[in-house]
């Protein structure tokens, strides 16, 4: 096991929104005793801050300036309410606020801005440099950590992902509309795929896993078998 961990010190997991990459990444990190870091929460935190301050989402200059000034912290502790980590923006706990539907609708646009990505990518690489980490995002294997020891790209159908997002929103006490969530996911997929700065595409050496019919445990077993065979 020790040799296996040394061989896969940096694991990158990318994929479509709501494909299960964060849940699987957190569980894999726990199994391996690694640090889990979901980079998507950084972009969501910036998006939440933009909306909270009533900054126009399409105002690239103001959005980018805010991203460069914000202090975003992600910690493993926090309330026992099902969270994988606690997300703080300038000291304020926004863990659940960044999962609201309006953030879902705007995060892809904001994450496409070059200065926003530069500001957050630098922080992500600094964190990864310690090793023994599972980092989850959209372009970890292609842009942030192209040298990662293992690259995974997770996908799921838009319908399945919309169902997951709908159930999450209802469970958190928010009103939600399945059809609106589905439309937003399809629109976001297109934006992410055609993003000129960092398109959502698998790295050439990534292993693609389709998650519609797989449980978290089944995916974890599949990943461990993959690591053992590599």
C-alpha atoms as a PDB file:
ATOM      1  CA  UNK A   1       0.000   0.000   0.000  1.00  0.00           C
ATOM      2  CA  UNK A   2       2.870   2.360   0.814  1.00  0.00           C
ATOM      3  CA  UNK A   3       4.342   1.919  -2.672  1.00  0.00           C
ATOM      4  CA  UNK A   4       0.913   2.518  -4.192  1.00  0.00           C
ATOM      5  CA  UNK A   5       0.475   5.796  -2.326  1.00  0.00           C
ATOM      6  CA  UNK A   6       3.946   6.977  -3.301  1.00  0.00           C
ATOM      7  CA  UNK A   7       3.167   6.264  -6.952  1.00  0.00           C
ATOM      8  CA  UNK A   8      -0.109   8.209  -6.877  1.00  0.00           C
ATOM      9  CA  UNK A   9       0.732  11.195  -4.695  1.00  0.00           C
ATOM     10  CA  UNK A  10      -1.343  13.639  -6.784  1.00  0.00           C
ATOM     11  CA  UNK A  11      -4.744  12.514  -8.072  1.00  0.00           C
ATOM     12  CA  UNK A  12      -6.792  14.778 -10.347  1.00  0.00           C
ATOM     13  CA  UNK A  13     -10.531  14.223 -10.764  1.00  0.00           C
ATOM     14  CA  UNK A  14     -12.367  16.304 -13.363  1.00  0.00           C
ATOM     15  CA  UNK A  15     -15.830  16.035 -14.836  1.00  0.00           C
ATOM     16  CA  UNK A  16     -19.174  17.580 -15.577  1.00  0.00           C
ATOM     17  CA  UNK A  17     -21.208  19.419 -12.956  1.00  0.00           C
ATOM     18  CA  UNK A  18     -23.039  17.035 -10.569  1.00  0.00           C
ATOM     19  CA  UNK A  19     -21.299  13.967 -12.015  1.00  0.00           C
ATOM     20  CA  UNK A  20     -20.390  12.897  -8.473  1.00  0.00           C
ATOM     21  CA  UNK A  21     -16.731  13.902  -8.662  1.00  0.00           C
ATOM     22  CA  UNK A  22     -16.741  15.776  -5.343  1.00  0.00           C
ATOM     23  CA  UNK A  23     -18.438  12.959  -3.441  1.00  0.00           C
ATOM     24  CA  UNK A  24     -16.126  10.349  -4.946  1.00  0.00           C
ATOM     25  CA  UNK A  25     -13.055  12.554  -4.494  1.00  0.00           C
ATOM     26  CA  UNK A  26     -13.802  13.112  -0.814  1.00  0.00           C
ATOM     27  CA  UNK A  27     -14.407   9.406  -0.217  1.00  0.00           C
ATOM     28  CA  UNK A  28     -11.241   8.408  -2.099  1.00  0.00           C
ATOM     29  CA  UNK A  29      -9.175  10.919  -0.126  1.00  0.00           C
ATOM     30  CA  UNK A  30     -10.570   9.497   3.104  1.00  0.00           C
ATOM     31  CA  UNK A  31      -9.708   5.944   2.072  1.00  0.00           C
ATOM     32  CA  UNK A  32      -6.155   6.931   1.159  1.00  0.00           C
ATOM     33  CA  UNK A  33      -5.621   9.319   4.045  1.00  0.00           C
ATOM     34  CA  UNK A  34      -5.113  12.185   1.571  1.00  0.00           C
ATOM     35  CA  UNK A  35      -6.093  15.826   1.588  1.00  0.00           C
ATOM     36  CA  UNK A  36      -9.310  16.463  -0.357  1.00  0.00           C
ATOM     37  CA  UNK A  37      -9.620  19.740  -2.220  1.00  0.00           C
ATOM     38  CA  UNK A  38     -12.594  20.636  -4.426  1.00  0.00           C
ATOM     39  CA  UNK A  39     -11.422  23.592  -6.508  1.00  0.00           C
ATOM     40  CA  UNK A  40     -14.957  24.239  -7.711  1.00  0.00           C
ATOM     41  CA  UNK A  41     -15.869  25.757  -4.355  1.00  0.00           C
ATOM     42  CA  UNK A  42     -13.394  28.566  -5.041  1.00  0.00           C
ATOM     43  CA  UNK A  43     -15.204  29.558  -8.228  1.00  0.00           C
ATOM     44  CA  UNK A  44     -18.545  29.199  -6.494  1.00  0.00           C
ATOM     45  CA  UNK A  45     -17.302  31.391  -3.662  1.00  0.00           C
ATOM     46  CA  UNK A  46     -16.290  34.117  -6.106  1.00  0.00           C
ATOM     47  CA  UNK A  47     -19.645  33.809  -7.859  1.00  0.00           C
ATOM     48  CA  UNK A  48     -21.530  34.033  -4.583  1.00  0.00           C
ATOM     49  CA  UNK A  49     -19.529  37.134  -3.625  1.00  0.00           C
ATOM     50  CA  UNK A  50     -20.262  38.758  -6.996  1.00  0.00           C
ATOM     51  CA  UNK A  51     -23.999  38.187  -6.584  1.00  0.00           C
ATOM     52  CA  UNK A  52     -23.938  39.213  -2.924  1.00  0.00           C
ATOM     53  CA  UNK A  53     -22.338  42.550  -3.834  1.00  0.00           C
ATOM     54  CA  UNK A  54     -24.716  43.099  -6.769  1.00  0.00           C
ATOM     55  CA  UNK A  55     -21.830  43.202  -9.244  1.00  0.00           C
ATOM     56  CA  UNK A  56     -22.912  42.601 -12.829  1.00  0.00           C
ATOM     57  CA  UNK A  57     -21.871  39.059 -13.780  1.00  0.00           C
ATOM     58  CA  UNK A  58     -20.701  40.238 -17.220  1.00  0.00           C
ATOM     59  CA  UNK A  59     -18.525  43.033 -15.805  1.00  0.00           C
ATOM     60  CA  UNK A  60     -15.237  41.219 -16.330  1.00  0.00           C
ATOM     61  CA  UNK A  61     -13.065  43.920 -14.782  1.00  0.00           C
ATOM     62  CA  UNK A  62     -15.033  44.203 -11.528  1.00  0.00           C
ATOM     63  CA  UNK A  63     -15.506  40.447 -11.175  1.00  0.00           C
ATOM     64  CA  UNK A  64     -11.788  39.817 -11.769  1.00  0.00           C
ATOM     65  CA  UNK A  65     -10.752  42.510  -9.307  1.00  0.00           C
ATOM     66  CA  UNK A  66     -12.992  41.009  -6.643  1.00  0.00           C
ATOM     67  CA  UNK A  67     -11.559  37.521  -7.252  1.00  0.00           C
ATOM     68  CA  UNK A  68      -8.045  38.855  -6.714  1.00  0.00           C
ATOM     69  CA  UNK A  69      -9.016  40.531  -3.432  1.00  0.00           C
ATOM     70  CA  UNK A  70     -11.158  37.882  -1.775  1.00  0.00           C
ATOM     71  CA  UNK A  71      -9.741  35.684   0.976  1.00  0.00           C
ATOM     72  CA  UNK A  72     -11.157  32.202   0.377  1.00  0.00           C
ATOM     73  CA  UNK A  73     -10.424  29.434   2.877  1.00  0.00           C
ATOM     74  CA  UNK A  74     -11.450  25.782   2.710  1.00  0.00           C
ATOM     75  CA  UNK A  75     -11.157  23.817   5.932  1.00  0.00           C
ATOM     76  CA  UNK A  76     -12.023  20.198   6.828  1.00  0.00           C
ATOM     77  CA  UNK A  77     -13.914  21.161   9.977  1.00  0.00           C
ATOM     78  CA  UNK A  78     -17.285  22.825  10.472  1.00  0.00           C
ATOM     79  CA  UNK A  79     -20.859  22.014  11.438  1.00  0.00           C
ATOM     80  CA  UNK A  80     -22.018  18.413  11.344  1.00  0.00           C
ATOM     81  CA  UNK A  81     -24.599  19.002   8.625  1.00  0.00           C
ATOM     82  CA  UNK A  82     -23.369  16.793   5.813  1.00  0.00           C
ATOM     83  CA  UNK A  83     -20.760  19.179   4.446  1.00  0.00           C
ATOM     84  CA  UNK A  84     -17.514  17.819   3.014  1.00  0.00           C
ATOM     85  CA  UNK A  85     -15.631  20.957   4.068  1.00  0.00           C
ATOM     86  CA  UNK A  86     -16.299  24.468   5.287  1.00  0.00           C
ATOM     87  CA  UNK A  87     -15.949  27.310   2.788  1.00  0.00           C
ATOM     88  CA  UNK A  88     -15.186  30.772   4.144  1.00  0.00           C
ATOM     89  CA  UNK A  89     -15.213  34.037   2.204  1.00  0.00           C
ATOM     90  CA  UNK A  90     -13.493  36.795   4.151  1.00  0.00           C
ATOM     91  CA  UNK A  91     -14.245  34.799   7.294  1.00  0.00           C
ATOM     92  CA  UNK A  92     -17.942  34.197   6.541  1.00  0.00           C
ATOM     93  CA  UNK A  93     -19.232  30.635   6.301  1.00  0.00           C
ATOM     94  CA  UNK A  94     -20.862  30.311   2.863  1.00  0.00           C
ATOM     95  CA  UNK A  95     -20.696  26.527   2.546  1.00  0.00           C
ATOM     96  CA  UNK A  96     -24.342  26.101   1.623  1.00  0.00           C
ATOM     97  CA  UNK A  97     -24.957  29.531   0.075  1.00  0.00           C
ATOM     98  CA  UNK A  98     -22.567  28.710  -2.771  1.00  0.00           C
ATOM     99  CA  UNK A  99     -24.812  25.762  -3.719  1.00  0.00           C
ATOM    100  CA  UNK A 100     -27.862  27.910  -4.410  1.00  0.00           C
ATOM    101  CA  UNK A 101     -29.438  27.721  -7.919  1.00  0.00           C
ATOM    102  CA  UNK A 102     -28.471  31.299  -8.810  1.00  0.00           C
ATOM    103  CA  UNK A 103     -24.813  30.428  -8.184  1.00  0.00           C
ATOM    104  CA  UNK A 104     -25.211  27.340 -10.399  1.00  0.00           C
ATOM    105  CA  UNK A 105     -26.440  29.552 -13.216  1.00  0.00           C
ATOM    106  CA  UNK A 106     -23.602  32.103 -13.024  1.00  0.00           C
ATOM    107  CA  UNK A 107     -20.515  30.159 -11.975  1.00  0.00           C
ATOM    108  CA  UNK A 108     -19.629  28.920 -15.459  1.00  0.00           C
ATOM    109  CA  UNK A 109     -19.590  32.470 -16.817  1.00  0.00           C
ATOM    110  CA  UNK A 110     -17.455  33.823 -14.000  1.00  0.00           C
ATOM    111  CA  UNK A 111     -15.048  30.891 -14.083  1.00  0.00           C
ATOM    112  CA  UNK A 112     -14.354  31.636 -17.752  1.00  0.00           C
ATOM    113  CA  UNK A 113     -12.659  34.964 -17.005  1.00  0.00           C
ATOM    114  CA  UNK A 114      -8.860  34.692 -17.412  1.00  0.00           C
ATOM    115  CA  UNK A 115      -7.911  36.817 -14.393  1.00  0.00           C
ATOM    116  CA  UNK A 116     -10.268  34.858 -12.154  1.00  0.00           C
ATOM    117  CA  UNK A 117      -8.742  31.560 -13.269  1.00  0.00           C
ATOM    118  CA  UNK A 118      -5.174  32.858 -12.905  1.00  0.00           C
ATOM    119  CA  UNK A 119      -5.862  34.088  -9.373  1.00  0.00           C
ATOM    120  CA  UNK A 120      -7.372  30.796  -8.239  1.00  0.00           C
ATOM    121  CA  UNK A 121      -5.102  28.439 -10.195  1.00  0.00           C
ATOM    122  CA  UNK A 122      -2.035  29.821  -8.427  1.00  0.00           C
ATOM    123  CA  UNK A 123      -3.580  28.986  -5.061  1.00  0.00           C
ATOM    124  CA  UNK A 124      -4.565  25.509  -6.223  1.00  0.00           C
ATOM    125  CA  UNK A 125      -1.037  24.664  -7.408  1.00  0.00           C
ATOM    126  CA  UNK A 126       0.448  25.883  -4.143  1.00  0.00           C
ATOM    127  CA  UNK A 127      -1.846  23.574  -2.183  1.00  0.00           C
ATOM    128  CA  UNK A 128      -1.126  20.600  -4.471  1.00  0.00           C
ATOM    129  CA  UNK A 129       2.623  20.994  -4.052  1.00  0.00           C
ATOM    130  CA  UNK A 130       2.451  19.281  -0.648  1.00  0.00           C
ATOM    131  CA  UNK A 131       1.425  16.009  -2.332  1.00  0.00           C
ATOM    132  CA  UNK A 132      -0.857  13.242  -1.004  1.00  0.00           C
ATOM    133  CA  UNK A 133      -3.850  15.076  -2.398  1.00  0.00           C
ATOM    134  CA  UNK A 134      -7.040  14.389  -4.340  1.00  0.00           C
ATOM    135  CA  UNK A 135      -7.924  17.563  -6.240  1.00  0.00           C
ATOM    136  CA  UNK A 136     -11.285  17.881  -7.939  1.00  0.00           C
ATOM    137  CA  UNK A 137     -12.369  20.366 -10.578  1.00  0.00           C
ATOM    138  CA  UNK A 138     -12.951  20.939 -14.269  1.00  0.00           C
ATOM    139  CA  UNK A 139      -9.444  21.407 -15.646  1.00  0.00           C
ATOM    140  CA  UNK A 140      -7.169  19.902 -13.009  1.00  0.00           C
ATOM    141  CA  UNK A 141      -5.700  17.235 -15.280  1.00  0.00           C
ATOM    142  CA  UNK A 142      -5.369  19.530 -18.290  1.00  0.00           C
ATOM    143  CA  UNK A 143      -4.374  22.926 -16.848  1.00  0.00           C
ATOM    144  CA  UNK A 144      -3.859  23.080 -13.089  1.00  0.00           C
ATOM    145  CA  UNK A 145      -1.951  19.818 -12.572  1.00  0.00           C
ATOM    146  CA  UNK A 146      -1.075  18.268 -15.939  1.00  0.00           C
ATOM    147  CA  UNK A 147       1.679  16.347 -14.127  1.00  0.00           C
ATOM    148  CA  UNK A 148      -0.830  14.552 -11.842  1.00  0.00           C
ATOM    149  CA  UNK A 149      -0.022  10.888 -11.235  1.00  0.00           C
ATOM    150  CA  UNK A 150      -3.586   9.749 -11.916  1.00  0.00           C
ATOM    151  CA  UNK A 151      -6.253  11.598 -13.923  1.00  0.00           C
ATOM    152  CA  UNK A 152      -9.936  10.712 -13.771  1.00  0.00           C
ATOM    153  CA  UNK A 153     -12.760  12.295 -15.786  1.00  0.00           C
ATOM    154  CA  UNK A 154     -16.299  11.587 -14.537  1.00  0.00           C
ATOM    155  CA  UNK A 155     -19.486  11.992 -16.554  1.00  0.00           C
ATOM    156  CA  UNK A 156     -23.230  11.431 -16.078  1.00  0.00           C
ATOM    157  CA  UNK A 157     -26.318  12.142 -18.153  1.00  0.00           C
ATOM    158  CA  UNK A 158     -27.864  15.644 -17.821  1.00  0.00           C
ATOM    159  CA  UNK A 159     -31.083  14.063 -16.526  1.00  0.00           C
ATOM    160  CA  UNK A 160     -29.315  12.200 -13.741  1.00  0.00           C
ATOM    161  CA  UNK A 161     -27.313  15.260 -12.757  1.00  0.00           C
ATOM    162  CA  UNK A 162     -30.439  17.431 -12.695  1.00  0.00           C
ATOM    163  CA  UNK A 163     -32.144  14.888 -10.466  1.00  0.00           C
ATOM    164  CA  UNK A 164     -29.221  14.994  -8.028  1.00  0.00           C
ATOM    165  CA  UNK A 165     -29.155  18.795  -7.943  1.00  0.00           C
ATOM    166  CA  UNK A 166     -32.930  18.948  -7.476  1.00  0.00           C
ATOM    167  CA  UNK A 167     -32.831  16.532  -4.544  1.00  0.00           C
ATOM    168  CA  UNK A 168     -29.919  18.412  -2.963  1.00  0.00           C
ATOM    169  CA  UNK A 169     -31.776  21.743  -3.176  1.00  0.00           C
ATOM    170  CA  UNK A 170     -34.952  20.294  -1.667  1.00  0.00           C
ATOM    171  CA  UNK A 171     -32.979  18.619   1.120  1.00  0.00           C
ATOM    172  CA  UNK A 172     -31.375  21.965   1.978  1.00  0.00           C
ATOM    173  CA  UNK A 173     -34.761  23.678   2.184  1.00  0.00           C
ATOM    174  CA  UNK A 174     -34.587  25.606  -1.100  1.00  0.00           C
ATOM    175  CA  UNK A 175     -37.354  25.735  -3.677  1.00  0.00           C
ATOM    176  CA  UNK A 176     -36.318  24.070  -6.916  1.00  0.00           C
ATOM    177  CA  UNK A 177     -37.687  23.244 -10.335  1.00  0.00           C
ATOM    178  CA  UNK A 178     -36.317  20.128 -12.032  1.00  0.00           C
ATOM    179  CA  UNK A 179     -36.852  21.402 -15.582  1.00  0.00           C
ATOM    180  CA  UNK A 180     -35.097  24.673 -14.841  1.00  0.00           C
ATOM    181  CA  UNK A 181     -32.174  22.824 -13.257  1.00  0.00           C
ATOM    182  CA  UNK A 182     -31.950  20.492 -16.266  1.00  0.00           C
ATOM    183  CA  UNK A 183     -31.934  23.433 -18.690  1.00  0.00           C
ATOM    184  CA  UNK A 184     -29.239  25.174 -16.638  1.00  0.00           C
ATOM    185  CA  UNK A 185     -27.054  22.038 -16.629  1.00  0.00           C
ATOM    186  CA  UNK A 186     -27.342  21.602 -20.388  1.00  0.00           C
ATOM    187  CA  UNK A 187     -26.499  25.273 -20.905  1.00  0.00           C
ATOM    188  CA  UNK A 188     -23.548  25.060 -18.527  1.00  0.00           C
ATOM    189  CA  UNK A 189     -22.206  21.960 -20.263  1.00  0.00           C
ATOM    190  CA  UNK A 190     -22.123  23.822 -23.538  1.00  0.00           C
ATOM    191  CA  UNK A 191     -20.406  26.838 -22.005  1.00  0.00           C
ATOM    192  CA  UNK A 192     -17.852  24.642 -20.256  1.00  0.00           C
ATOM    193  CA  UNK A 193     -17.071  22.662 -23.396  1.00  0.00           C
ATOM    194  CA  UNK A 194     -16.602  25.791 -25.515  1.00  0.00           C
ATOM    195  CA  UNK A 195     -14.791  27.871 -22.909  1.00  0.00           C
ATOM    196  CA  UNK A 196     -11.846  29.444 -24.790  1.00  0.00           C
ATOM    197  CA  UNK A 197      -9.752  29.781 -21.628  1.00  0.00           C
ATOM    198  CA  UNK A 198     -10.028  26.297 -20.147  1.00  0.00           C
ATOM    199  CA  UNK A 199     -12.546  24.006 -21.843  1.00  0.00           C
ATOM    200  CA  UNK A 200     -13.995  21.079 -19.929  1.00  0.00           C
ATOM    201  CA  UNK A 201     -12.389  18.174 -21.765  1.00  0.00           C
ATOM    202  CA  UNK A 202     -10.653  15.016 -20.536  1.00  0.00           C
ATOM    203  CA  UNK A 203      -6.868  14.983 -20.470  1.00  0.00           C
ATOM    204  CA  UNK A 204      -5.455  12.708 -23.171  1.00  0.00           C
ATOM    205  CA  UNK A 205      -4.377  10.227 -20.501  1.00  0.00           C
ATOM    206  CA  UNK A 206      -7.455  10.486 -18.264  1.00  0.00           C
ATOM    207  CA  UNK A 207      -9.616   7.493 -17.372  1.00  0.00           C
ATOM    208  CA  UNK A 208     -13.272   8.252 -18.153  1.00  0.00           C
ATOM    209  CA  UNK A 209     -15.899   6.906 -15.740  1.00  0.00           C
ATOM    210  CA  UNK A 210     -19.668   7.123 -16.386  1.00  0.00           C
ATOM    211  CA  UNK A 211     -21.501   7.342 -13.044  1.00  0.00           C
ATOM    212  CA  UNK A 212     -25.236   7.075 -13.822  1.00  0.00           C
ATOM    213  CA  UNK A 213     -25.599   3.468 -12.677  1.00  0.00           C
ATOM    214  CA  UNK A 214     -22.685   3.286 -10.244  1.00  0.00           C
ATOM    215  CA  UNK A 215     -22.748   3.762  -6.482  1.00  0.00           C
ATOM    216  CA  UNK A 216     -19.967   5.661  -4.758  1.00  0.00           C
ATOM    217  CA  UNK A 217     -18.591   2.402  -3.375  1.00  0.00           C
ATOM    218  CA  UNK A 218     -18.557   0.843  -6.827  1.00  0.00           C
ATOM    219  CA  UNK A 219     -16.652   3.805  -8.254  1.00  0.00           C
ATOM    220  CA  UNK A 220     -14.139   3.701  -5.398  1.00  0.00           C
ATOM    221  CA  UNK A 221     -13.545  -0.005  -5.925  1.00  0.00           C
ATOM    222  CA  UNK A 222     -13.033   0.660  -9.620  1.00  0.00           C
ATOM    223  CA  UNK A 223     -10.473   3.381  -8.883  1.00  0.00           C
ATOM    224  CA  UNK A 224      -8.553   1.235  -6.418  1.00  0.00           C
ATOM    225  CA  UNK A 225      -8.405  -1.619  -8.942  1.00  0.00           C
ATOM    226  CA  UNK A 226      -7.160   0.840 -11.547  1.00  0.00           C
ATOM    227  CA  UNK A 227      -4.409   2.061  -9.238  1.00  0.00           C
ATOM    228  CA  UNK A 228      -3.351  -1.477  -8.380  1.00  0.00           C
ATOM    229  CA  UNK A 229      -3.116  -2.435 -12.061  1.00  0.00           C
ATOM    230  CA  UNK A 230      -1.161   0.692 -13.078  1.00  0.00           C
END
